[in-house]
Amino acid sequence: MKKTLVFILLVLYLQQAHAQGGGFAPTNLGGPAMKYQGLRDTDLVPDAELREKGLKEWRLKRDTTLAKAKKLLEEKNYTAVNQLLFPYDYLEPDDALFYEYLGKSYFYAGLHQPALDCFVISNDQKKQTDLLFFIGQCHEKMGNEKEATKFYKKGAKEGSADCKAKLEK
């Protein structure tokens, strides 16, 4: 009797799952989603040949891809910027502009932790005074006023008008 009951429940469950599309369905029905590689792996991809192929493709498409990303940022289409650049993020290219644009796509979409990660990577690769303001903004929006002030002061010392204005408030 128990086996029959379990069998019937299992069949009903499978029928319901099949009727709903067979399993997991995304809940983000409002449009395309922002993507984020939460944990950065500093080791090379186990398949080094595949990574090299990806980096070669990135180098060929870099200029046109970044030009498109810049245009999309100017149009305030942050999700499109993210979807354009994210496929190359796993390659971890040594390209400060790539991470600056990807960071801005996250920042303006309200995703401050991934934006901070990208801005820090970009700033480490190429020191940019303007990024210090964005790094400070990310810290501030995440509730870390002390760290934000540190970056605003550093930016103001290096000549960033935005950082100076923020400190004067």
N, C-alpha and C. Protein backbone atom coordinates (compact mmCIF):
# COMPACT_ATOMS: atom_id res chain seq x y z
N MET A 1 0.82 -1.19 0.00
CA MET A 1 0.00 0.00 0.00
C MET A 1 0.87 1.26 0.00
N LYS A 2 1.91 1.26 0.87
CA LYS A 2 2.80 2.42 0.93
C LYS A 2 3.52 2.63 -0.39
N LYS A 3 3.94 1.53 -1.00
CA LYS A 3 4.65 1.63 -2.27
C LYS A 3 3.74 2.23 -3.34
N THR A 4 2.50 1.84 -3.36
CA THR A 4 1.54 2.36 -4.33
C THR A 4 1.33 3.85 -4.12
N LEU A 5 1.19 4.27 -2.87
CA LEU A 5 1.00 5.68 -2.54
C LEU A 5 2.21 6.51 -2.95
N VAL A 6 3.40 6.01 -2.66
CA VAL A 6 4.63 6.71 -3.04
C VAL A 6 4.73 6.79 -4.56
N PHE A 7 4.39 5.71 -5.23
CA PHE A 7 4.44 5.69 -6.69
C PHE A 7 3.48 6.72 -7.30
N ILE A 8 2.28 6.79 -6.76
CA ILE A 8 1.28 7.74 -7.27
C ILE A 8 1.75 9.18 -7.04
N LEU A 9 2.29 9.47 -5.86
CA LEU A 9 2.80 10.81 -5.57
C LEU A 9 3.97 11.19 -6.49
N LEU A 10 4.82 10.23 -6.75
CA LEU A 10 5.95 10.47 -7.64
C LEU A 10 5.47 10.77 -9.05
N VAL A 11 4.51 10.02 -9.53
CA VAL A 11 3.96 10.24 -10.87
C VAL A 11 3.31 11.62 -10.95
N LEU A 12 2.53 11.98 -9.93
CA LEU A 12 1.89 13.30 -9.91
C LEU A 12 2.93 14.42 -9.91
N TYR A 13 3.97 14.25 -9.12
CA TYR A 13 5.03 15.25 -9.07
C TYR A 13 5.72 15.41 -10.43
N LEU A 14 6.04 14.30 -11.07
CA LEU A 14 6.70 14.34 -12.37
C LEU A 14 5.80 14.96 -13.43
N GLN A 15 4.50 14.66 -13.38
CA GLN A 15 3.57 15.26 -14.33
C GLN A 15 3.50 16.78 -14.13
N GLN A 16 3.48 17.22 -12.88
CA GLN A 16 3.44 18.64 -12.60
C GLN A 16 4.72 19.34 -13.06
N ALA A 17 5.84 18.71 -12.80
CA ALA A 17 7.12 19.28 -13.23
C ALA A 17 7.19 19.36 -14.74
N HIS A 18 6.70 18.34 -15.42
CA HIS A 18 6.70 18.34 -16.88
C HIS A 18 5.76 19.41 -17.43
N ALA A 19 4.62 19.61 -16.79
CA ALA A 19 3.66 20.62 -17.24
C ALA A 19 4.20 22.03 -17.06
N GLN A 20 5.10 22.21 -16.10
CA GLN A 20 5.69 23.54 -15.85
C GLN A 20 6.94 23.78 -16.69
N GLY A 21 7.20 22.97 -17.62
CA GLY A 21 8.36 23.18 -18.48
C GLY A 21 9.51 22.26 -18.15
N GLY A 22 9.32 21.34 -17.29
CA GLY A 22 10.32 20.33 -17.04
C GLY A 22 11.34 20.66 -15.99
N GLY A 23 11.15 21.68 -15.21
CA GLY A 23 12.12 21.94 -14.16
C GLY A 23 12.26 23.42 -13.87
N PHE A 24 13.49 23.81 -13.69
CA PHE A 24 13.79 25.18 -13.28
C PHE A 24 13.42 26.18 -14.36
N ALA A 25 12.75 27.23 -13.95
CA ALA A 25 12.43 28.33 -14.86
C ALA A 25 12.91 29.62 -14.21
N PRO A 26 13.61 30.48 -14.94
CA PRO A 26 14.11 31.71 -14.34
C PRO A 26 12.96 32.61 -13.91
N THR A 27 13.21 33.36 -12.84
CA THR A 27 12.18 34.26 -12.34
C THR A 27 12.39 35.67 -12.83
N ASN A 28 13.48 35.94 -13.51
CA ASN A 28 13.75 37.29 -14.02
C ASN A 28 13.03 37.46 -15.34
N LEU A 29 11.77 37.81 -15.28
CA LEU A 29 10.99 37.98 -16.49
C LEU A 29 11.00 39.41 -16.98
N GLY A 30 11.69 40.30 -16.26
CA GLY A 30 11.72 41.71 -16.60
C GLY A 30 12.71 42.06 -17.69
N GLY A 31 13.47 41.15 -18.17
CA GLY A 31 14.44 41.45 -19.22
C GLY A 31 15.74 40.73 -18.97
N PRO A 32 16.75 41.09 -19.76
CA PRO A 32 18.04 40.42 -19.62
C PRO A 32 18.68 40.70 -18.26
N ALA A 33 19.44 39.77 -17.79
CA ALA A 33 20.05 39.88 -16.47
C ALA A 33 21.50 40.31 -16.58
N MET A 34 21.96 41.01 -15.55
CA MET A 34 23.38 41.35 -15.45
C MET A 34 24.11 40.09 -15.01
N LYS A 35 25.30 39.91 -15.51
CA LYS A 35 26.07 38.72 -15.17
C LYS A 35 27.28 39.16 -14.37
N TYR A 36 27.72 38.30 -13.45
CA TYR A 36 28.85 38.64 -12.60
C TYR A 36 29.60 37.38 -12.22
N GLN A 37 30.89 37.41 -12.43
CA GLN A 37 31.74 36.31 -12.01
C GLN A 37 32.14 36.60 -10.58
N GLY A 38 31.38 36.05 -9.64
CA GLY A 38 31.55 36.39 -8.24
C GLY A 38 32.91 36.06 -7.67
N LEU A 39 33.38 34.89 -7.91
CA LEU A 39 34.67 34.49 -7.38
C LEU A 39 35.68 34.44 -8.51
N ARG A 40 36.67 35.28 -8.40
CA ARG A 40 37.68 35.33 -9.45
C ARG A 40 38.73 34.27 -9.17
N ASP A 41 39.04 33.50 -10.17
CA ASP A 41 40.05 32.46 -10.05
C ASP A 41 41.32 33.00 -10.68
N THR A 42 42.35 33.15 -9.86
CA THR A 42 43.58 33.73 -10.39
C THR A 42 44.43 32.70 -11.10
N ASP A 43 44.09 31.43 -10.96
CA ASP A 43 44.82 30.40 -11.69
C ASP A 43 44.35 30.38 -13.13
N LEU A 44 45.23 29.91 -14.00
CA LEU A 44 44.83 29.76 -15.39
C LEU A 44 43.74 28.70 -15.49
N VAL A 45 42.91 28.85 -16.49
CA VAL A 45 41.88 27.86 -16.75
C VAL A 45 42.58 26.52 -16.96
N PRO A 46 42.01 25.43 -16.41
CA PRO A 46 42.68 24.13 -16.57
C PRO A 46 43.00 23.81 -18.03
N ASP A 47 42.15 24.24 -18.95
CA ASP A 47 42.39 24.01 -20.36
C ASP A 47 43.09 25.25 -20.93
N ALA A 48 44.41 25.29 -20.80
CA ALA A 48 45.18 26.46 -21.21
C ALA A 48 45.03 26.75 -22.71
N GLU A 49 44.87 25.72 -23.50
CA GLU A 49 44.70 25.90 -24.94
C GLU A 49 43.42 26.67 -25.25
N LEU A 50 42.35 26.33 -24.55
CA LEU A 50 41.07 27.01 -24.72
C LEU A 50 41.18 28.48 -24.29
N ARG A 51 41.89 28.72 -23.19
CA ARG A 51 42.07 30.09 -22.71
C ARG A 51 42.87 30.91 -23.72
N GLU A 52 43.92 30.34 -24.25
CA GLU A 52 44.73 31.04 -25.24
C GLU A 52 43.91 31.37 -26.49
N LYS A 53 43.07 30.44 -26.89
CA LYS A 53 42.20 30.67 -28.04
C LYS A 53 41.25 31.84 -27.74
N GLY A 54 40.69 31.87 -26.54
CA GLY A 54 39.81 32.95 -26.14
C GLY A 54 40.52 34.30 -26.09
N LEU A 55 41.74 34.31 -25.56
CA LEU A 55 42.52 35.55 -25.50
C LEU A 55 42.89 36.04 -26.89
N LYS A 56 43.18 35.12 -27.80
CA LYS A 56 43.48 35.49 -29.17
C LYS A 56 42.26 36.15 -29.82
N GLU A 57 41.08 35.56 -29.58
CA GLU A 57 39.84 36.12 -30.10
C GLU A 57 39.60 37.51 -29.50
N TRP A 58 39.87 37.65 -28.18
CA TRP A 58 39.69 38.95 -27.52
C TRP A 58 40.60 40.01 -28.17
N ARG A 59 41.85 39.65 -28.40
CA ARG A 59 42.79 40.62 -28.99
C ARG A 59 42.33 41.08 -30.38
N LEU A 60 41.74 40.15 -31.15
CA LEU A 60 41.24 40.51 -32.48
C LEU A 60 40.02 41.43 -32.42
N LYS A 61 39.17 41.20 -31.43
CA LYS A 61 37.91 41.95 -31.34
C LYS A 61 37.97 43.11 -30.35
N ARG A 62 39.09 43.30 -29.68
CA ARG A 62 39.19 44.25 -28.58
C ARG A 62 38.73 45.66 -28.94
N ASP A 63 39.32 46.22 -29.98
CA ASP A 63 39.04 47.62 -30.31
C ASP A 63 37.57 47.85 -30.66
N THR A 64 37.02 46.99 -31.49
CA THR A 64 35.62 47.18 -31.88
C THR A 64 34.68 46.90 -30.70
N THR A 65 35.02 45.92 -29.88
CA THR A 65 34.19 45.59 -28.71
C THR A 65 34.18 46.74 -27.72
N LEU A 66 35.36 47.30 -27.44
CA LEU A 66 35.42 48.41 -26.49
C LEU A 66 34.76 49.67 -27.04
N ALA A 67 34.85 49.88 -28.35
CA ALA A 67 34.16 51.02 -28.97
C ALA A 67 32.64 50.86 -28.82
N LYS A 68 32.15 49.64 -29.03
CA LYS A 68 30.71 49.38 -28.84
C LYS A 68 30.32 49.59 -27.38
N ALA A 69 31.16 49.11 -26.47
CA ALA A 69 30.87 49.26 -25.04
C ALA A 69 30.82 50.73 -24.64
N LYS A 70 31.75 51.53 -25.16
CA LYS A 70 31.76 52.96 -24.85
C LYS A 70 30.48 53.63 -25.35
N LYS A 71 30.06 53.28 -26.55
CA LYS A 71 28.84 53.84 -27.12
C LYS A 71 27.62 53.43 -26.29
N LEU A 72 27.57 52.17 -25.88
CA LEU A 72 26.45 51.70 -25.07
C LEU A 72 26.42 52.38 -23.70
N LEU A 73 27.61 52.63 -23.13
CA LEU A 73 27.66 53.36 -21.86
C LEU A 73 27.10 54.78 -22.03
N GLU A 74 27.47 55.43 -23.13
CA GLU A 74 26.96 56.77 -23.40
C GLU A 74 25.45 56.76 -23.58
N GLU A 75 24.91 55.66 -24.11
CA GLU A 75 23.46 55.52 -24.30
C GLU A 75 22.77 55.04 -23.02
N LYS A 76 23.55 54.80 -21.98
CA LYS A 76 23.05 54.32 -20.68
C LYS A 76 22.38 52.95 -20.79
N ASN A 77 22.89 52.12 -21.67
CA ASN A 77 22.39 50.76 -21.84
C ASN A 77 23.37 49.81 -21.13
N TYR A 78 23.28 49.80 -19.81
CA TYR A 78 24.27 49.12 -18.98
C TYR A 78 24.19 47.60 -19.10
N THR A 79 23.00 47.07 -19.26
CA THR A 79 22.85 45.62 -19.42
C THR A 79 23.51 45.17 -20.71
N ALA A 80 23.36 45.95 -21.77
CA ALA A 80 23.99 45.59 -23.05
C ALA A 80 25.51 45.62 -22.94
N VAL A 81 26.04 46.59 -22.20
CA VAL A 81 27.50 46.64 -21.99
C VAL A 81 27.95 45.39 -21.27
N ASN A 82 27.21 45.03 -20.23
CA ASN A 82 27.55 43.85 -19.46
C ASN A 82 27.53 42.60 -20.33
N GLN A 83 26.48 42.46 -21.14
CA GLN A 83 26.36 41.26 -21.97
C GLN A 83 27.40 41.22 -23.09
N LEU A 84 27.87 42.38 -23.50
CA LEU A 84 28.91 42.44 -24.51
C LEU A 84 30.27 42.04 -23.94
N LEU A 85 30.57 42.50 -22.72
CA LEU A 85 31.89 42.27 -22.15
C LEU A 85 32.01 41.02 -21.29
N PHE A 86 30.93 40.63 -20.64
CA PHE A 86 31.01 39.52 -19.70
C PHE A 86 31.58 38.23 -20.29
N PRO A 87 31.25 37.87 -21.53
CA PRO A 87 31.81 36.62 -22.06
C PRO A 87 33.34 36.56 -22.07
N TYR A 88 34.00 37.71 -22.00
CA TYR A 88 35.46 37.73 -22.00
C TYR A 88 36.03 37.81 -20.58
N ASP A 89 35.18 38.02 -19.58
CA ASP A 89 35.66 38.21 -18.21
C ASP A 89 36.40 37.00 -17.68
N TYR A 90 35.95 35.79 -18.06
CA TYR A 90 36.61 34.58 -17.54
C TYR A 90 38.06 34.49 -18.00
N LEU A 91 38.38 35.20 -19.08
CA LEU A 91 39.75 35.18 -19.59
C LEU A 91 40.68 36.05 -18.76
N GLU A 92 40.08 36.95 -17.95
CA GLU A 92 40.82 37.90 -17.13
C GLU A 92 41.88 38.63 -17.96
N PRO A 93 41.44 39.33 -19.01
CA PRO A 93 42.42 40.03 -19.85
C PRO A 93 43.11 41.16 -19.10
N ASP A 94 44.36 41.40 -19.44
CA ASP A 94 45.11 42.52 -18.85
C ASP A 94 44.73 43.77 -19.62
N ASP A 95 43.55 44.29 -19.34
CA ASP A 95 43.04 45.42 -20.09
C ASP A 95 42.25 46.32 -19.15
N ALA A 96 42.87 47.43 -18.74
CA ALA A 96 42.25 48.34 -17.78
C ALA A 96 40.94 48.92 -18.29
N LEU A 97 40.88 49.23 -19.57
CA LEU A 97 39.67 49.82 -20.14
C LEU A 97 38.50 48.83 -20.12
N PHE A 98 38.81 47.58 -20.38
CA PHE A 98 37.79 46.52 -20.31
C PHE A 98 37.13 46.51 -18.94
N TYR A 99 37.95 46.48 -17.88
CA TYR A 99 37.41 46.42 -16.53
C TYR A 99 36.76 47.73 -16.11
N GLU A 100 37.23 48.84 -16.63
CA GLU A 100 36.58 50.12 -16.34
C GLU A 100 35.15 50.12 -16.90
N TYR A 101 35.00 49.72 -18.15
CA TYR A 101 33.67 49.71 -18.77
C TYR A 101 32.76 48.67 -18.11
N LEU A 102 33.30 47.50 -17.82
CA LEU A 102 32.49 46.47 -17.15
C LEU A 102 32.08 46.96 -15.77
N GLY A 103 33.01 47.60 -15.06
CA GLY A 103 32.70 48.16 -13.74
C GLY A 103 31.62 49.22 -13.81
N LYS A 104 31.68 50.09 -14.81
CA LYS A 104 30.66 51.12 -14.95
C LYS A 104 29.29 50.50 -15.26
N SER A 105 29.28 49.41 -16.03
CA SER A 105 28.00 48.76 -16.32
C SER A 105 27.37 48.25 -15.03
N TYR A 106 28.18 47.69 -14.13
CA TYR A 106 27.67 47.23 -12.84
C TYR A 106 27.27 48.41 -11.96
N PHE A 107 28.14 49.42 -11.91
CA PHE A 107 27.91 50.57 -11.02
C PHE A 107 26.58 51.26 -11.32
N TYR A 108 26.38 51.59 -12.58
CA TYR A 108 25.16 52.32 -12.94
C TYR A 108 23.91 51.44 -12.87
N ALA A 109 24.11 50.13 -12.81
CA ALA A 109 22.98 49.22 -12.64
C ALA A 109 22.70 48.96 -11.16
N GLY A 110 23.53 49.55 -10.28
CA GLY A 110 23.31 49.40 -8.84
C GLY A 110 23.98 48.20 -8.23
N LEU A 111 24.86 47.56 -8.96
CA LEU A 111 25.60 46.39 -8.44
C LEU A 111 26.98 46.86 -8.00
N HIS A 112 27.08 47.33 -6.77
CA HIS A 112 28.29 48.03 -6.34
C HIS A 112 29.47 47.12 -5.99
N GLN A 113 29.23 45.93 -5.48
CA GLN A 113 30.35 45.04 -5.18
C GLN A 113 31.06 44.56 -6.45
N PRO A 114 30.34 44.07 -7.46
CA PRO A 114 31.05 43.69 -8.68
C PRO A 114 31.70 44.89 -9.36
N ALA A 115 31.06 46.07 -9.26
CA ALA A 115 31.66 47.27 -9.83
C ALA A 115 32.98 47.58 -9.13
N LEU A 116 32.98 47.49 -7.81
CA LEU A 116 34.20 47.75 -7.04
C LEU A 116 35.31 46.78 -7.46
N ASP A 117 34.96 45.51 -7.59
CA ASP A 117 35.96 44.51 -8.02
C ASP A 117 36.59 44.91 -9.36
N CYS A 118 35.74 45.30 -10.30
CA CYS A 118 36.24 45.68 -11.63
C CYS A 118 37.08 46.95 -11.58
N PHE A 119 36.63 47.95 -10.82
CA PHE A 119 37.38 49.21 -10.73
C PHE A 119 38.75 48.99 -10.09
N VAL A 120 38.81 48.15 -9.08
CA VAL A 120 40.09 47.86 -8.43
C VAL A 120 41.04 47.16 -9.40
N ILE A 121 40.53 46.19 -10.15
CA ILE A 121 41.36 45.49 -11.14
C ILE A 121 41.86 46.48 -12.18
N SER A 122 40.98 47.33 -12.68
CA SER A 122 41.35 48.32 -13.68
C SER A 122 42.40 49.28 -13.15
N ASN A 123 42.19 49.75 -11.92
CA ASN A 123 43.13 50.69 -11.32
C ASN A 123 44.48 50.04 -11.04
N ASP A 124 44.47 48.76 -10.69
CA ASP A 124 45.73 48.04 -10.48
C ASP A 124 46.51 47.90 -11.78
N GLN A 125 45.78 47.72 -12.89
CA GLN A 125 46.45 47.55 -14.18
C GLN A 125 46.96 48.86 -14.76
N LYS A 126 46.21 49.94 -14.50
CA LYS A 126 46.61 51.25 -15.00
C LYS A 126 46.04 52.30 -14.05
N LYS A 127 46.92 53.00 -13.36
CA LYS A 127 46.48 53.99 -12.38
C LYS A 127 45.68 55.09 -13.08
N GLN A 128 44.45 55.31 -12.59
CA GLN A 128 43.57 56.31 -13.17
C GLN A 128 42.91 57.09 -12.04
N THR A 129 43.13 58.38 -12.01
CA THR A 129 42.58 59.22 -10.96
C THR A 129 41.06 59.18 -10.94
N ASP A 130 40.42 59.14 -12.10
CA ASP A 130 38.95 59.12 -12.17
C ASP A 130 38.36 57.88 -11.50
N LEU A 131 39.08 56.78 -11.56
CA LEU A 131 38.56 55.56 -10.96
C LEU A 131 38.52 55.63 -9.44
N LEU A 132 39.37 56.45 -8.86
CA LEU A 132 39.37 56.58 -7.40
C LEU A 132 38.02 57.10 -6.91
N PHE A 133 37.41 57.99 -7.68
CA PHE A 133 36.08 58.49 -7.33
C PHE A 133 35.06 57.35 -7.37
N PHE A 134 35.10 56.53 -8.43
CA PHE A 134 34.16 55.42 -8.54
C PHE A 134 34.39 54.38 -7.43
N ILE A 135 35.65 54.13 -7.10
CA ILE A 135 35.95 53.20 -6.01
C ILE A 135 35.38 53.73 -4.70
N GLY A 136 35.58 55.03 -4.46
CA GLY A 136 35.00 55.65 -3.28
C GLY A 136 33.49 55.57 -3.26
N GLN A 137 32.87 55.82 -4.41
CA GLN A 137 31.41 55.74 -4.51
C GLN A 137 30.90 54.33 -4.19
N CYS A 138 31.59 53.33 -4.69
CA CYS A 138 31.19 51.94 -4.41
C CYS A 138 31.25 51.67 -2.91
N HIS A 139 32.35 52.07 -2.28
CA HIS A 139 32.47 51.86 -0.84
C HIS A 139 31.36 52.60 -0.09
N GLU A 140 31.10 53.83 -0.50
CA GLU A 140 30.07 54.63 0.16
C GLU A 140 28.69 53.98 0.02
N LYS A 141 28.36 53.52 -1.17
CA LYS A 141 27.05 52.93 -1.41
C LYS A 141 26.88 51.59 -0.70
N MET A 142 28.01 50.95 -0.36
CA MET A 142 27.94 49.70 0.39
C MET A 142 28.04 49.94 1.89
N GLY A 143 28.08 51.22 2.30
CA GLY A 143 28.05 51.55 3.72
C GLY A 143 29.41 51.66 4.39
N ASN A 144 30.47 51.68 3.62
CA ASN A 144 31.81 51.76 4.20
C ASN A 144 32.35 53.19 4.01
N GLU A 145 31.87 54.11 4.84
CA GLU A 145 32.22 55.53 4.72
C GLU A 145 33.71 55.77 4.92
N LYS A 146 34.31 55.07 5.85
CA LYS A 146 35.73 55.28 6.16
C LYS A 146 36.60 54.96 4.94
N GLU A 147 36.32 53.84 4.32
CA GLU A 147 37.09 53.43 3.13
C GLU A 147 36.81 54.38 1.97
N ALA A 148 35.56 54.82 1.84
CA ALA A 148 35.20 55.76 0.77
C ALA A 148 35.97 57.06 0.93
N THR A 149 36.02 57.58 2.14
CA THR A 149 36.74 58.84 2.40
C THR A 149 38.22 58.69 2.06
N LYS A 150 38.78 57.54 2.36
CA LYS A 150 40.19 57.28 2.04
C LYS A 150 40.45 57.43 0.54
N PHE A 151 39.55 56.88 -0.28
CA PHE A 151 39.72 56.98 -1.74
C PHE A 151 39.42 58.38 -2.25
N TYR A 152 38.46 59.06 -1.65
CA TYR A 152 38.19 60.45 -2.05
C TYR A 152 39.40 61.33 -1.76
N LYS A 153 40.02 61.13 -0.59
CA LYS A 153 41.21 61.92 -0.24
C LYS A 153 42.36 61.63 -1.19
N LYS A 154 42.55 60.37 -1.49
CA LYS A 154 43.61 59.98 -2.43
C LYS A 154 43.35 60.59 -3.80
N GLY A 155 42.11 60.55 -4.26
CA GLY A 155 41.75 61.13 -5.55
C GLY A 155 41.92 62.64 -5.56
N ALA A 156 41.52 63.29 -4.48
CA ALA A 156 41.66 64.75 -4.38
C ALA A 156 43.14 65.14 -4.41
N LYS A 157 43.96 64.35 -3.74
CA LYS A 157 45.41 64.61 -3.72
C LYS A 157 46.01 64.47 -5.11
N GLU A 158 45.45 63.55 -5.92
CA GLU A 158 45.95 63.33 -7.28
C GLU A 158 45.29 64.24 -8.31
N GLY A 159 44.35 65.09 -7.86
CA GLY A 159 43.79 66.10 -8.75
C GLY A 159 42.40 65.82 -9.30
N SER A 160 41.67 64.89 -8.73
CA SER A 160 40.31 64.58 -9.20
C SER A 160 39.33 65.63 -8.67
N ALA A 161 38.68 66.33 -9.61
CA ALA A 161 37.70 67.37 -9.23
C ALA A 161 36.49 66.73 -8.54
N ASP A 162 36.08 65.56 -9.00
CA ASP A 162 34.93 64.88 -8.39
C ASP A 162 35.23 64.51 -6.92
N CYS A 163 36.43 64.04 -6.67
CA CYS A 163 36.80 63.66 -5.31
C CYS A 163 36.87 64.91 -4.42
N LYS A 164 37.43 65.99 -4.95
CA LYS A 164 37.50 67.23 -4.17
C LYS A 164 36.11 67.72 -3.83
N ALA A 165 35.21 67.70 -4.80
CA ALA A 165 33.83 68.15 -4.57
C ALA A 165 33.14 67.27 -3.53
N LYS A 166 33.39 65.98 -3.58
CA LYS A 166 32.78 65.06 -2.62
C LYS A 166 33.27 65.33 -1.20
N LEU A 167 34.55 65.65 -1.05
CA LEU A 167 35.10 65.93 0.27
C LEU A 167 34.60 67.27 0.83
N GLU A 168 34.29 68.19 -0.05
CA GLU A 168 33.82 69.50 0.40
C GLU A 168 32.40 69.45 0.92
N LYS A 169 31.65 68.42 0.57
CA LYS A 169 30.25 68.31 1.02
C LYS A 169 30.17 68.02 2.49
